[in-house]
Amino acid sequence: MKNLRTLLLGACLAAVIAGTASAEDIKPLFQQALPNIQGKTFTAVEVDFAPGAKAEPHRHGQAFVYAYVLEGSFRSQLAGEPARTYDVGQSWFEPPGADHLLTENLSPSKPARLLVVFVSNTGDPLKTPEPSK
């Protein structure tokens, strides 16, 4: 039963994270509708970046996003803000509707890993590419 649940969770998350750049490897960890907030879902994923990898600019819809660095160092930038560097144990959040312009593994030789948590509208895609401006 647990394997079936894991398989279904993986399939569901793959569907809602459509458009993810190949520079990232996304591992679903947990997804649950919030029983006390109708229409909202909590999702947790682990995102691995190859050495030097960068994600394409994107949005997370109307989700509130929290990212925590598990391994390595990242540079991240939201529209209207300066790029910032985050190391192991540091974190950032993205408000709903934010344009995420940059996420990159700063090491040219070592992988980097994030824990990313979303509180989103149930059924909404968790990541969509940012159209060219």
N, C-alpha and C. Protein backbone atom coordinates (compact mmCIF):
# COMPACT_ATOMS: atom_id res chain seq x y z
N MET A 1 0.82 -1.20 0.00
CA MET A 1 0.00 0.00 0.00
C MET A 1 0.87 1.26 0.00
N LYS A 2 1.95 1.24 0.80
CA LYS A 2 2.84 2.39 0.86
C LYS A 2 3.49 2.64 -0.50
N ASN A 3 3.90 1.58 -1.22
CA ASN A 3 4.51 1.74 -2.54
C ASN A 3 3.52 2.34 -3.54
N LEU A 4 2.27 1.92 -3.47
CA LEU A 4 1.25 2.47 -4.35
C LEU A 4 1.04 3.95 -4.06
N ARG A 5 1.02 4.30 -2.79
CA ARG A 5 0.85 5.69 -2.39
C ARG A 5 2.01 6.54 -2.92
N THR A 6 3.24 6.03 -2.79
CA THR A 6 4.42 6.74 -3.27
C THR A 6 4.37 6.90 -4.78
N LEU A 7 3.97 5.86 -5.49
CA LEU A 7 3.86 5.91 -6.95
C LEU A 7 2.81 6.95 -7.37
N LEU A 8 1.67 6.94 -6.72
CA LEU A 8 0.61 7.90 -7.05
C LEU A 8 1.04 9.32 -6.73
N LEU A 9 1.70 9.51 -5.60
CA LEU A 9 2.19 10.84 -5.24
C LEU A 9 3.17 11.33 -6.29
N GLY A 10 4.08 10.47 -6.71
CA GLY A 10 5.06 10.85 -7.73
C GLY A 10 4.39 11.25 -9.03
N ALA A 11 3.38 10.49 -9.44
CA ALA A 11 2.67 10.79 -10.68
C ALA A 11 1.92 12.12 -10.58
N CYS A 12 1.28 12.35 -9.43
CA CYS A 12 0.55 13.60 -9.23
C CYS A 12 1.49 14.80 -9.23
N LEU A 13 2.60 14.67 -8.54
CA LEU A 13 3.54 15.79 -8.47
C LEU A 13 4.19 16.04 -9.82
N ALA A 14 4.48 15.00 -10.57
CA ALA A 14 5.04 15.18 -11.90
C ALA A 14 4.08 15.98 -12.77
N ALA A 15 2.80 15.72 -12.61
CA ALA A 15 1.79 16.43 -13.40
C ALA A 15 1.69 17.90 -13.01
N VAL A 16 1.80 18.20 -11.72
CA VAL A 16 1.64 19.58 -11.29
C VAL A 16 2.92 20.39 -11.39
N ILE A 17 4.07 19.75 -11.58
CA ILE A 17 5.33 20.46 -11.73
C ILE A 17 5.74 20.44 -13.19
N ALA A 18 4.80 20.47 -14.08
CA ALA A 18 5.07 20.44 -15.52
C ALA A 18 5.93 21.64 -15.89
N GLY A 19 6.83 21.43 -16.83
CA GLY A 19 7.66 22.51 -17.32
C GLY A 19 8.97 22.66 -16.56
N THR A 20 9.28 21.74 -15.64
CA THR A 20 10.51 21.85 -14.88
C THR A 20 11.72 21.66 -15.78
N ALA A 21 12.70 22.52 -15.63
CA ALA A 21 13.92 22.44 -16.42
C ALA A 21 14.68 21.16 -16.11
N SER A 22 15.40 20.63 -17.10
CA SER A 22 16.12 19.38 -16.92
C SER A 22 17.31 19.53 -15.98
N ALA A 23 17.69 20.77 -15.64
CA ALA A 23 18.79 21.01 -14.71
C ALA A 23 18.45 20.56 -13.30
N GLU A 24 17.19 20.30 -13.05
CA GLU A 24 16.72 19.95 -11.72
C GLU A 24 16.16 18.53 -11.71
N ASP A 25 16.40 17.85 -10.61
CA ASP A 25 15.80 16.53 -10.40
C ASP A 25 14.89 16.65 -9.19
N ILE A 26 13.59 16.46 -9.39
CA ILE A 26 12.61 16.68 -8.33
C ILE A 26 12.16 15.34 -7.76
N LYS A 27 12.27 15.22 -6.43
CA LYS A 27 11.86 14.01 -5.72
C LYS A 27 10.67 14.36 -4.83
N PRO A 28 9.48 13.85 -5.15
CA PRO A 28 8.31 14.11 -4.29
C PRO A 28 8.51 13.50 -2.90
N LEU A 29 8.14 14.25 -1.88
CA LEU A 29 8.25 13.76 -0.51
C LEU A 29 6.89 13.60 0.16
N PHE A 30 6.01 14.58 -0.03
CA PHE A 30 4.74 14.57 0.71
C PHE A 30 3.77 15.52 0.04
N GLN A 31 2.49 15.13 0.02
CA GLN A 31 1.44 16.02 -0.46
C GLN A 31 0.17 15.70 0.31
N GLN A 32 -0.48 16.76 0.82
CA GLN A 32 -1.69 16.56 1.64
C GLN A 32 -2.58 17.79 1.55
N ALA A 33 -3.86 17.56 1.27
CA ALA A 33 -4.83 18.65 1.36
C ALA A 33 -4.89 19.10 2.82
N LEU A 34 -4.96 20.41 3.04
CA LEU A 34 -5.03 20.91 4.41
C LEU A 34 -6.46 20.82 4.91
N PRO A 35 -6.69 20.04 5.95
CA PRO A 35 -8.06 19.81 6.40
C PRO A 35 -8.72 21.05 7.01
N ASN A 36 -7.92 21.99 7.49
CA ASN A 36 -8.50 23.16 8.14
C ASN A 36 -8.51 24.40 7.24
N ILE A 37 -8.05 24.26 5.98
CA ILE A 37 -8.09 25.36 5.02
C ILE A 37 -8.58 24.80 3.70
N GLN A 38 -9.86 24.86 3.49
CA GLN A 38 -10.47 24.28 2.30
C GLN A 38 -9.85 24.86 1.03
N GLY A 39 -9.53 23.98 0.09
CA GLY A 39 -8.99 24.38 -1.20
C GLY A 39 -7.48 24.59 -1.22
N LYS A 40 -6.79 24.29 -0.12
CA LYS A 40 -5.34 24.46 -0.06
C LYS A 40 -4.66 23.12 0.14
N THR A 41 -3.47 22.97 -0.46
CA THR A 41 -2.69 21.74 -0.37
C THR A 41 -1.26 22.08 0.05
N PHE A 42 -0.70 21.24 0.91
CA PHE A 42 0.70 21.33 1.36
C PHE A 42 1.49 20.29 0.57
N THR A 43 2.58 20.71 -0.06
CA THR A 43 3.42 19.81 -0.84
C THR A 43 4.88 20.04 -0.47
N ALA A 44 5.64 18.96 -0.30
CA ALA A 44 7.07 19.06 -0.04
C ALA A 44 7.81 18.22 -1.08
N VAL A 45 8.87 18.81 -1.64
CA VAL A 45 9.70 18.12 -2.62
C VAL A 45 11.17 18.39 -2.30
N GLU A 46 12.02 17.48 -2.74
CA GLU A 46 13.46 17.68 -2.68
C GLU A 46 13.91 17.96 -4.11
N VAL A 47 14.71 19.00 -4.29
CA VAL A 47 15.16 19.38 -5.63
C VAL A 47 16.69 19.33 -5.66
N ASP A 48 17.21 18.46 -6.52
CA ASP A 48 18.65 18.31 -6.69
C ASP A 48 19.09 19.06 -7.94
N PHE A 49 20.19 19.81 -7.80
CA PHE A 49 20.78 20.54 -8.92
C PHE A 49 22.16 19.96 -9.20
N ALA A 50 22.44 19.66 -10.43
CA ALA A 50 23.76 19.21 -10.84
C ALA A 50 24.75 20.36 -10.65
N PRO A 51 26.04 20.06 -10.64
CA PRO A 51 27.03 21.14 -10.52
C PRO A 51 26.81 22.22 -11.59
N GLY A 52 26.77 23.47 -11.15
CA GLY A 52 26.61 24.60 -12.06
C GLY A 52 25.24 24.76 -12.70
N ALA A 53 24.27 23.92 -12.34
CA ALA A 53 22.96 23.96 -12.99
C ALA A 53 22.16 25.19 -12.59
N LYS A 54 21.35 25.68 -13.55
CA LYS A 54 20.46 26.82 -13.33
C LYS A 54 19.05 26.43 -13.75
N ALA A 55 18.07 26.84 -12.98
CA ALA A 55 16.67 26.65 -13.37
C ALA A 55 16.27 27.79 -14.30
N GLU A 56 15.38 27.52 -15.21
CA GLU A 56 14.83 28.55 -16.08
C GLU A 56 13.93 29.47 -15.24
N PRO A 57 13.79 30.74 -15.64
CA PRO A 57 12.86 31.63 -14.92
C PRO A 57 11.47 31.00 -14.89
N HIS A 58 10.79 31.16 -13.76
CA HIS A 58 9.50 30.51 -13.58
C HIS A 58 8.67 31.22 -12.52
N ARG A 59 7.44 30.75 -12.37
CA ARG A 59 6.53 31.18 -11.31
C ARG A 59 6.00 29.94 -10.62
N HIS A 60 5.50 30.17 -9.42
CA HIS A 60 4.85 29.09 -8.67
C HIS A 60 3.37 29.43 -8.47
N GLY A 61 2.77 30.07 -9.46
CA GLY A 61 1.36 30.42 -9.41
C GLY A 61 1.04 31.25 -8.18
N GLN A 62 -0.03 30.88 -7.51
CA GLN A 62 -0.45 31.59 -6.30
C GLN A 62 0.00 30.86 -5.04
N ALA A 63 1.00 29.98 -5.17
CA ALA A 63 1.51 29.24 -4.02
C ALA A 63 2.44 30.11 -3.17
N PHE A 64 2.41 29.88 -1.88
CA PHE A 64 3.43 30.40 -0.97
C PHE A 64 4.52 29.34 -0.98
N VAL A 65 5.78 29.76 -1.18
CA VAL A 65 6.88 28.82 -1.34
C VAL A 65 7.95 29.09 -0.29
N TYR A 66 8.45 28.02 0.32
CA TYR A 66 9.55 28.09 1.27
C TYR A 66 10.63 27.14 0.77
N ALA A 67 11.87 27.64 0.65
CA ALA A 67 12.99 26.82 0.19
C ALA A 67 14.08 26.82 1.26
N TYR A 68 14.61 25.62 1.55
CA TYR A 68 15.63 25.42 2.58
C TYR A 68 16.80 24.68 1.95
N VAL A 69 18.01 25.21 2.11
CA VAL A 69 19.19 24.61 1.50
C VAL A 69 19.68 23.43 2.34
N LEU A 70 19.62 22.24 1.75
CA LEU A 70 20.07 21.02 2.41
C LEU A 70 21.54 20.73 2.13
N GLU A 71 22.01 21.12 0.95
CA GLU A 71 23.37 20.83 0.53
C GLU A 71 23.81 21.87 -0.50
N GLY A 72 25.05 22.35 -0.38
CA GLY A 72 25.61 23.27 -1.37
C GLY A 72 25.26 24.72 -1.12
N SER A 73 25.44 25.52 -2.15
CA SER A 73 25.16 26.96 -2.12
C SER A 73 24.36 27.34 -3.36
N PHE A 74 23.38 28.21 -3.16
CA PHE A 74 22.51 28.65 -4.25
C PHE A 74 22.52 30.16 -4.35
N ARG A 75 22.30 30.65 -5.57
CA ARG A 75 21.97 32.05 -5.79
C ARG A 75 20.53 32.04 -6.27
N SER A 76 19.73 32.93 -5.68
CA SER A 76 18.32 33.01 -6.03
C SER A 76 17.94 34.48 -6.18
N GLN A 77 17.03 34.74 -7.12
CA GLN A 77 16.57 36.11 -7.31
C GLN A 77 15.11 36.13 -7.72
N LEU A 78 14.34 36.97 -7.04
CA LEU A 78 12.96 37.25 -7.41
C LEU A 78 12.92 38.60 -8.11
N ALA A 79 11.95 38.81 -8.98
CA ALA A 79 11.82 40.07 -9.70
C ALA A 79 11.72 41.22 -8.70
N GLY A 80 12.45 42.30 -9.00
CA GLY A 80 12.41 43.48 -8.15
C GLY A 80 13.33 43.42 -6.94
N GLU A 81 14.07 42.33 -6.80
CA GLU A 81 14.97 42.16 -5.67
C GLU A 81 16.37 41.83 -6.18
N PRO A 82 17.40 42.11 -5.36
CA PRO A 82 18.76 41.72 -5.77
C PRO A 82 18.93 40.20 -5.65
N ALA A 83 19.87 39.64 -6.40
CA ALA A 83 20.21 38.22 -6.25
C ALA A 83 20.85 38.04 -4.88
N ARG A 84 20.52 36.92 -4.23
CA ARG A 84 21.08 36.62 -2.92
C ARG A 84 21.66 35.21 -2.93
N THR A 85 22.66 35.00 -2.08
CA THR A 85 23.30 33.69 -1.95
C THR A 85 22.85 33.04 -0.65
N TYR A 86 22.55 31.73 -0.75
CA TYR A 86 22.09 30.96 0.41
C TYR A 86 22.94 29.70 0.53
N ASP A 87 23.39 29.43 1.75
CA ASP A 87 24.21 28.26 2.04
C ASP A 87 23.43 27.27 2.89
N VAL A 88 24.03 26.11 3.14
CA VAL A 88 23.38 25.06 3.94
C VAL A 88 22.80 25.65 5.22
N GLY A 89 21.54 25.30 5.50
CA GLY A 89 20.86 25.76 6.69
C GLY A 89 20.14 27.08 6.53
N GLN A 90 20.33 27.76 5.41
CA GLN A 90 19.63 29.02 5.18
C GLN A 90 18.40 28.78 4.30
N SER A 91 17.50 29.75 4.29
CA SER A 91 16.25 29.57 3.56
C SER A 91 15.74 30.90 3.02
N TRP A 92 14.76 30.80 2.12
CA TRP A 92 14.05 31.97 1.63
C TRP A 92 12.61 31.58 1.36
N PHE A 93 11.76 32.61 1.19
CA PHE A 93 10.38 32.34 0.82
C PHE A 93 10.03 33.18 -0.40
N GLU A 94 9.00 32.73 -1.10
CA GLU A 94 8.49 33.45 -2.26
C GLU A 94 7.01 33.69 -2.05
N PRO A 95 6.58 34.95 -2.13
CA PRO A 95 5.16 35.23 -1.97
C PRO A 95 4.37 34.74 -3.20
N PRO A 96 3.08 34.54 -3.05
CA PRO A 96 2.27 34.12 -4.19
C PRO A 96 2.42 35.08 -5.37
N GLY A 97 2.56 34.51 -6.56
CA GLY A 97 2.66 35.28 -7.79
C GLY A 97 4.03 35.82 -8.13
N ALA A 98 5.04 35.53 -7.31
CA ALA A 98 6.39 36.06 -7.55
C ALA A 98 7.00 35.48 -8.82
N ASP A 99 7.76 36.33 -9.53
CA ASP A 99 8.57 35.88 -10.67
C ASP A 99 9.91 35.43 -10.11
N HIS A 100 10.24 34.16 -10.29
CA HIS A 100 11.52 33.63 -9.81
C HIS A 100 12.47 33.65 -11.00
N LEU A 101 13.34 34.66 -11.03
CA LEU A 101 14.20 34.89 -12.18
C LEU A 101 15.43 33.99 -12.22
N LEU A 102 15.93 33.60 -11.03
CA LEU A 102 17.19 32.87 -10.99
C LEU A 102 17.21 31.90 -9.81
N THR A 103 17.61 30.67 -10.08
CA THR A 103 17.99 29.70 -9.06
C THR A 103 19.16 28.94 -9.66
N GLU A 104 20.31 29.01 -9.00
CA GLU A 104 21.46 28.31 -9.56
C GLU A 104 22.34 27.73 -8.47
N ASN A 105 22.90 26.56 -8.78
CA ASN A 105 23.91 25.92 -7.94
C ASN A 105 25.22 26.65 -8.21
N LEU A 106 25.81 27.25 -7.18
CA LEU A 106 27.02 28.04 -7.37
C LEU A 106 28.28 27.21 -7.58
N SER A 107 28.25 25.93 -7.25
CA SER A 107 29.45 25.11 -7.40
C SER A 107 29.55 24.52 -8.81
N PRO A 108 30.71 24.67 -9.45
CA PRO A 108 30.90 24.04 -10.75
C PRO A 108 31.25 22.56 -10.65
N SER A 109 31.46 22.06 -9.41
CA SER A 109 31.91 20.67 -9.27
C SER A 109 31.09 19.82 -8.29
N LYS A 110 30.21 20.43 -7.49
CA LYS A 110 29.45 19.67 -6.49
C LYS A 110 27.96 19.88 -6.67
N PRO A 111 27.15 18.85 -6.42
CA PRO A 111 25.71 19.02 -6.50
C PRO A 111 25.20 19.88 -5.34
N ALA A 112 23.98 20.36 -5.48
CA ALA A 112 23.32 21.13 -4.43
C ALA A 112 21.88 20.65 -4.32
N ARG A 113 21.29 20.83 -3.12
CA ARG A 113 19.96 20.24 -2.88
C ARG A 113 19.12 21.16 -2.02
N LEU A 114 17.84 21.27 -2.38
CA LEU A 114 16.87 22.09 -1.66
C LEU A 114 15.70 21.23 -1.17
N LEU A 115 15.13 21.61 -0.04
CA LEU A 115 13.81 21.16 0.38
C LEU A 115 12.89 22.32 0.04
N VAL A 116 11.87 22.07 -0.77
CA VAL A 116 10.94 23.13 -1.15
C VAL A 116 9.54 22.72 -0.71
N VAL A 117 8.87 23.66 -0.02
CA VAL A 117 7.53 23.43 0.51
C VAL A 117 6.58 24.44 -0.13
N PHE A 118 5.44 23.96 -0.58
CA PHE A 118 4.42 24.80 -1.21
C PHE A 118 3.12 24.72 -0.41
N VAL A 119 2.46 25.85 -0.25
CA VAL A 119 1.07 25.88 0.17
C VAL A 119 0.35 26.51 -1.01
N SER A 120 -0.42 25.68 -1.72
CA SER A 120 -0.99 26.11 -2.99
C SER A 120 -2.49 25.86 -3.04
N ASN A 121 -3.12 26.44 -4.07
CA ASN A 121 -4.51 26.11 -4.34
C ASN A 121 -4.54 24.68 -4.85
N THR A 122 -5.39 23.86 -4.30
CA THR A 122 -5.48 22.46 -4.68
C THR A 122 -5.70 22.34 -6.19
N GLY A 123 -4.85 21.54 -6.84
CA GLY A 123 -4.96 21.29 -8.27
C GLY A 123 -4.18 22.24 -9.15
N ASP A 124 -3.68 23.34 -8.61
CA ASP A 124 -2.90 24.28 -9.41
C ASP A 124 -1.51 23.70 -9.71
N PRO A 125 -0.94 24.04 -10.89
CA PRO A 125 0.45 23.64 -11.15
C PRO A 125 1.37 24.32 -10.15
N LEU A 126 2.39 23.61 -9.70
CA LEU A 126 3.32 24.18 -8.72
C LEU A 126 4.43 24.99 -9.37
N LYS A 127 4.66 24.77 -10.65
CA LYS A 127 5.71 25.52 -11.34
C LYS A 127 5.36 25.66 -12.80
N THR A 128 5.47 26.87 -13.31
CA THR A 128 5.26 27.11 -14.73
C THR A 128 6.38 28.00 -15.25
N PRO A 129 6.82 27.77 -16.48
CA PRO A 129 7.88 28.60 -17.05
C PRO A 129 7.41 30.07 -17.13
N GLU A 130 8.34 30.97 -16.95
CA GLU A 130 8.04 32.40 -17.08
C GLU A 130 8.15 32.76 -18.55
N PRO A 131 7.10 33.32 -19.13
CA PRO A 131 7.20 33.70 -20.54
C PRO A 131 8.26 34.76 -20.75
N SER A 132 8.89 34.75 -21.91
CA SER A 132 9.90 35.76 -22.25
C SER A 132 9.25 37.14 -22.24
N LYS A 133 9.99 38.10 -21.73
CA LYS A 133 9.44 39.47 -21.66
C LYS A 133 10.09 40.35 -22.69
